[in-house]
Each structure stands twice: as structure tokens, then as C-alpha cells.
Amino acid sequence: MLSWLTRTAIHEAFKLIRREGRELSLEATLELAGDAALALRVPGPDELAEQAERLDGIRKLSRRQQRMVWLHGLGLSYAEIAVYEGCTTRTVERQLLRAKRSLRQISNGSDRAP
């Protein structure tokens, strides 16, 4: 029983360390960069058009692939997406691979999905 508890505690500690490494602290950013970190950056028209095209491409994916792309974009790992979606990590991997392939085809001008 004690060995299980120790392994679980170590696993959770590593999980927290990994999460801490990918999440940014607003307070730490402000301490390092000061008020310049809050300066707004307004994208140009070309950048806005490119972002709109990317969103249109994502809208052409299946609902399932859209959810997985958004969750992955929010920083969730394949394992976390699998738990959220109720599937295996292999399924997440395949769906994201297919979604990325479709998005590449859409951006290259071929508007049909495989």
C-alpha cells in the first residue's frame, strides 16, 4: 500500500512540474517585462485574413476533429484529450493526424478533404 502511495505521489509531482512548465504566470511575466508586456499588438490586415482562412479551414473538419484540434491548441496533451473525449490516445493521434492533413490540403488550394 505504501509503495502505491509513493508512486502515485511521484507521478502527481511530475505531472505538476510538466504543467507548470507550459503554463505562463501573468505575475512573473509582469515582473520580468514590466508594463511593456501589456502593450497591445494589433494584427495587420494580411494577418487577419490569414487567421480567417485558418478558421474557415477548421470549420470544414468534422465536429470531432474540430474539438480535438481546439483542445490540442489549448495545450492539452493527447492523453488529456483522450480522457476528455472518452477515447484512446491512439484515436486522438489518428484524428489529429487526419485533421492536420485535411488542413494542409485546404491551405494548398485543394478544398476537398481526404
C-alpha atoms as a PDB file:
ATOM      1  CA  MET A   1       0.000   0.000   0.000  1.00  0.00           C
ATOM      2  CA  LEU A   2       2.776   2.423   0.865  1.00  0.00           C
ATOM      3  CA  SER A   3       4.632   1.748  -2.414  1.00  0.00           C
ATOM      4  CA  TRP A   4       1.452   2.543  -4.387  1.00  0.00           C
ATOM      5  CA  LEU A   5       1.027   5.804  -2.489  1.00  0.00           C
ATOM      6  CA  THR A   6       4.660   6.733  -3.101  1.00  0.00           C
ATOM      7  CA  ARG A   7       4.408   6.002  -6.829  1.00  0.00           C
ATOM      8  CA  THR A   8       1.183   7.997  -7.069  1.00  0.00           C
ATOM      9  CA  ALA A   9       2.722  10.969  -5.246  1.00  0.00           C
ATOM     10  CA  ILE A  10       5.783  10.928  -7.507  1.00  0.00           C
ATOM     11  CA  HIS A  11       3.599  10.665 -10.613  1.00  0.00           C
ATOM     12  CA  GLU A  12       1.477  13.631  -9.493  1.00  0.00           C
ATOM     13  CA  ALA A  13       4.592  15.685  -8.674  1.00  0.00           C
ATOM     14  CA  PHE A  14       5.997  15.108 -12.176  1.00  0.00           C
ATOM     15  CA  LYS A  15       2.615  15.961 -13.691  1.00  0.00           C
ATOM     16  CA  LEU A  16       2.541  19.269 -11.787  1.00  0.00           C
ATOM     17  CA  ILE A  17       6.107  20.080 -12.844  1.00  0.00           C
ATOM     18  CA  ARG A  18       5.249  19.463 -16.518  1.00  0.00           C
ATOM     19  CA  ARG A  19       2.093  21.569 -16.258  1.00  0.00           C
ATOM     20  CA  GLU A  20       3.993  24.383 -14.539  1.00  0.00           C
ATOM     21  CA  GLY A  21       6.475  24.407 -17.412  1.00  0.00           C
ATOM     22  CA  ARG A  22       3.811  25.028 -20.058  1.00  0.00           C
ATOM     23  CA  GLU A  23       1.598  27.490 -18.170  1.00  0.00           C
ATOM     24  CA  LEU A  24       2.702  31.090 -18.066  1.00  0.00           C
ATOM     25  CA  SER A  25       2.276  33.179 -14.953  1.00  0.00           C
ATOM     26  CA  LEU A  26       0.998  36.701 -15.591  1.00  0.00           C
ATOM     27  CA  GLU A  27       2.675  37.922 -12.419  1.00  0.00           C
ATOM     28  CA  ALA A  28       6.066  36.508 -13.428  1.00  0.00           C
ATOM     29  CA  THR A  29       5.743  37.987 -16.917  1.00  0.00           C
ATOM     30  CA  LEU A  30       4.935  41.415 -15.490  1.00  0.00           C
ATOM     31  CA  GLU A  31       7.886  41.225 -13.107  1.00  0.00           C
ATOM     32  CA  LEU A  32      10.288  40.423 -15.958  1.00  0.00           C
ATOM     33  CA  ALA A  33       8.943  42.714 -18.690  1.00  0.00           C
ATOM     34  CA  GLY A  34       7.074  45.383 -16.731  1.00  0.00           C
ATOM     35  CA  ASP A  35       4.205  47.260 -18.319  1.00  0.00           C
ATOM     36  CA  ALA A  36       5.597  46.626 -21.807  1.00  0.00           C
ATOM     37  CA  ALA A  37       4.228  43.085 -21.526  1.00  0.00           C
ATOM     38  CA  LEU A  38       0.705  44.511 -21.525  1.00  0.00           C
ATOM     39  CA  ALA A  39       1.156  46.529 -24.719  1.00  0.00           C
ATOM     40  CA  LEU A  40      -1.488  45.587 -27.254  1.00  0.00           C
ATOM     41  CA  ARG A  41      -0.381  44.292 -30.597  1.00  0.00           C
ATOM     42  CA  VAL A  42      -2.840  44.954 -33.373  1.00  0.00           C
ATOM     43  CA  PRO A  43      -2.530  42.475 -36.255  1.00  0.00           C
ATOM     44  CA  GLY A  44      -2.350  43.855 -39.788  1.00  0.00           C
ATOM     45  CA  PRO A  45      -4.929  43.163 -42.493  1.00  0.00           C
ATOM     46  CA  ASP A  46      -2.837  40.388 -44.066  1.00  0.00           C
ATOM     47  CA  GLU A  47      -2.503  38.614 -40.742  1.00  0.00           C
ATOM     48  CA  LEU A  48      -6.238  38.947 -40.059  1.00  0.00           C
ATOM     49  CA  ALA A  49      -7.048  37.481 -43.482  1.00  0.00           C
ATOM     50  CA  GLU A  50      -4.690  34.556 -42.860  1.00  0.00           C
ATOM     51  CA  GLN A  51      -6.276  33.883 -39.471  1.00  0.00           C
ATOM     52  CA  ALA A  52      -9.759  33.978 -41.022  1.00  0.00           C
ATOM     53  CA  GLU A  53      -8.669  31.441 -43.660  1.00  0.00           C
ATOM     54  CA  ARG A  54      -7.321  29.126 -40.966  1.00  0.00           C
ATOM     55  CA  LEU A  55     -10.586  29.334 -39.026  1.00  0.00           C
ATOM     56  CA  ASP A  56     -12.549  28.569 -42.198  1.00  0.00           C
ATOM     57  CA  GLY A  57     -10.340  25.524 -42.713  1.00  0.00           C
ATOM     58  CA  ILE A  58     -11.024  24.289 -39.193  1.00  0.00           C
ATOM     59  CA  ARG A  59     -14.772  24.750 -39.757  1.00  0.00           C
ATOM     60  CA  LYS A  60     -14.556  22.310 -42.674  1.00  0.00           C
ATOM     61  CA  LEU A  61     -13.348  19.495 -40.393  1.00  0.00           C
ATOM     62  CA  SER A  62     -15.710  17.074 -38.696  1.00  0.00           C
ATOM     63  CA  ARG A  63     -17.020  18.165 -35.280  1.00  0.00           C
ATOM     64  CA  ARG A  64     -14.883  15.561 -33.551  1.00  0.00           C
ATOM     65  CA  GLN A  65     -11.730  16.699 -35.303  1.00  0.00           C
ATOM     66  CA  GLN A  66     -12.586  20.342 -34.595  1.00  0.00           C
ATOM     67  CA  ARG A  67     -12.879  19.624 -30.853  1.00  0.00           C
ATOM     68  CA  MET A  68      -9.594  17.748 -30.809  1.00  0.00           C
ATOM     69  CA  VAL A  69      -7.771  20.476 -32.749  1.00  0.00           C
ATOM     70  CA  TRP A  70      -9.075  23.141 -30.359  1.00  0.00           C
ATOM     71  CA  LEU A  71      -8.185  21.091 -27.272  1.00  0.00           C
ATOM     72  CA  HIS A  72      -4.710  20.425 -28.640  1.00  0.00           C
ATOM     73  CA  GLY A  73      -4.354  24.122 -29.465  1.00  0.00           C
ATOM     74  CA  LEU A  74      -5.258  24.965 -25.880  1.00  0.00           C
ATOM     75  CA  GLY A  75      -2.278  22.920 -24.744  1.00  0.00           C
ATOM     76  CA  LEU A  76      -3.854  19.627 -23.723  1.00  0.00           C
ATOM     77  CA  SER A  77      -1.762  16.516 -24.256  1.00  0.00           C
ATOM     78  CA  TYR A  78      -3.020  13.569 -26.293  1.00  0.00           C
ATOM     79  CA  ALA A  79      -3.706  11.690 -23.044  1.00  0.00           C
ATOM     80  CA  GLU A  80      -5.722  14.598 -21.622  1.00  0.00           C
ATOM     81  CA  ILE A  81      -7.727  14.903 -24.857  1.00  0.00           C
ATOM     82  CA  ALA A  82      -8.384  11.152 -24.791  1.00  0.00           C
ATOM     83  CA  VAL A  83      -9.784  11.372 -21.258  1.00  0.00           C
ATOM     84  CA  TYR A  84     -11.929  14.383 -22.188  1.00  0.00           C
ATOM     85  CA  GLU A  85     -13.240  12.743 -25.374  1.00  0.00           C
ATOM     86  CA  GLY A  86     -13.611   9.269 -23.866  1.00  0.00           C
ATOM     87  CA  CYS A  87     -11.356   7.519 -26.369  1.00  0.00           C
ATOM     88  CA  THR A  88      -7.815   6.149 -26.611  1.00  0.00           C
ATOM     89  CA  THR A  89      -4.672   8.201 -27.165  1.00  0.00           C
ATOM     90  CA  ARG A  90      -4.189   6.338 -30.452  1.00  0.00           C
ATOM     91  CA  THR A  91      -7.603   7.578 -31.618  1.00  0.00           C
ATOM     92  CA  VAL A  92      -6.632  11.142 -30.699  1.00  0.00           C
ATOM     93  CA  GLU A  93      -3.353  10.731 -32.578  1.00  0.00           C
ATOM     94  CA  ARG A  94      -5.130   9.433 -35.701  1.00  0.00           C
ATOM     95  CA  GLN A  95      -7.845  12.100 -35.640  1.00  0.00           C
ATOM     96  CA  LEU A  96      -5.331  14.933 -35.233  1.00  0.00           C
ATOM     97  CA  LEU A  97      -3.167  13.485 -37.995  1.00  0.00           C
ATOM     98  CA  ARG A  98      -6.167  13.353 -40.335  1.00  0.00           C
ATOM     99  CA  ALA A  99      -7.222  16.873 -39.316  1.00  0.00           C
ATOM    100  CA  LYS A 100      -3.736  18.272 -39.965  1.00  0.00           C
ATOM    101  CA  ARG A 101      -3.614  16.515 -43.334  1.00  0.00           C
ATOM    102  CA  SER A 102      -7.011  17.979 -44.273  1.00  0.00           C
ATOM    103  CA  LEU A 103      -5.972  21.459 -43.157  1.00  0.00           C
ATOM    104  CA  ARG A 104      -2.798  21.223 -45.257  1.00  0.00           C
ATOM    105  CA  GLN A 105      -4.854  20.218 -48.313  1.00  0.00           C
ATOM    106  CA  ILE A 106      -7.297  23.068 -47.715  1.00  0.00           C
ATOM    107  CA  SER A 107      -4.477  25.616 -47.345  1.00  0.00           C
ATOM    108  CA  ASN A 108      -2.820  24.345 -50.542  1.00  0.00           C
ATOM    109  CA  GLY A 109      -5.976  25.085 -52.514  1.00  0.00           C
ATOM    110  CA  SER A 110      -7.424  21.608 -52.719  1.00  0.00           C
ATOM    111  CA  ASP A 111     -10.722  22.274 -50.937  1.00  0.00           C
ATOM    112  CA  ARG A 112     -11.812  18.672 -50.565  1.00  0.00           C
ATOM    113  CA  ALA A 113     -10.981  16.559 -47.522  1.00  0.00           C
ATOM    114  CA  PRO A 114      -9.483  13.054 -47.957  1.00  0.00           C
END
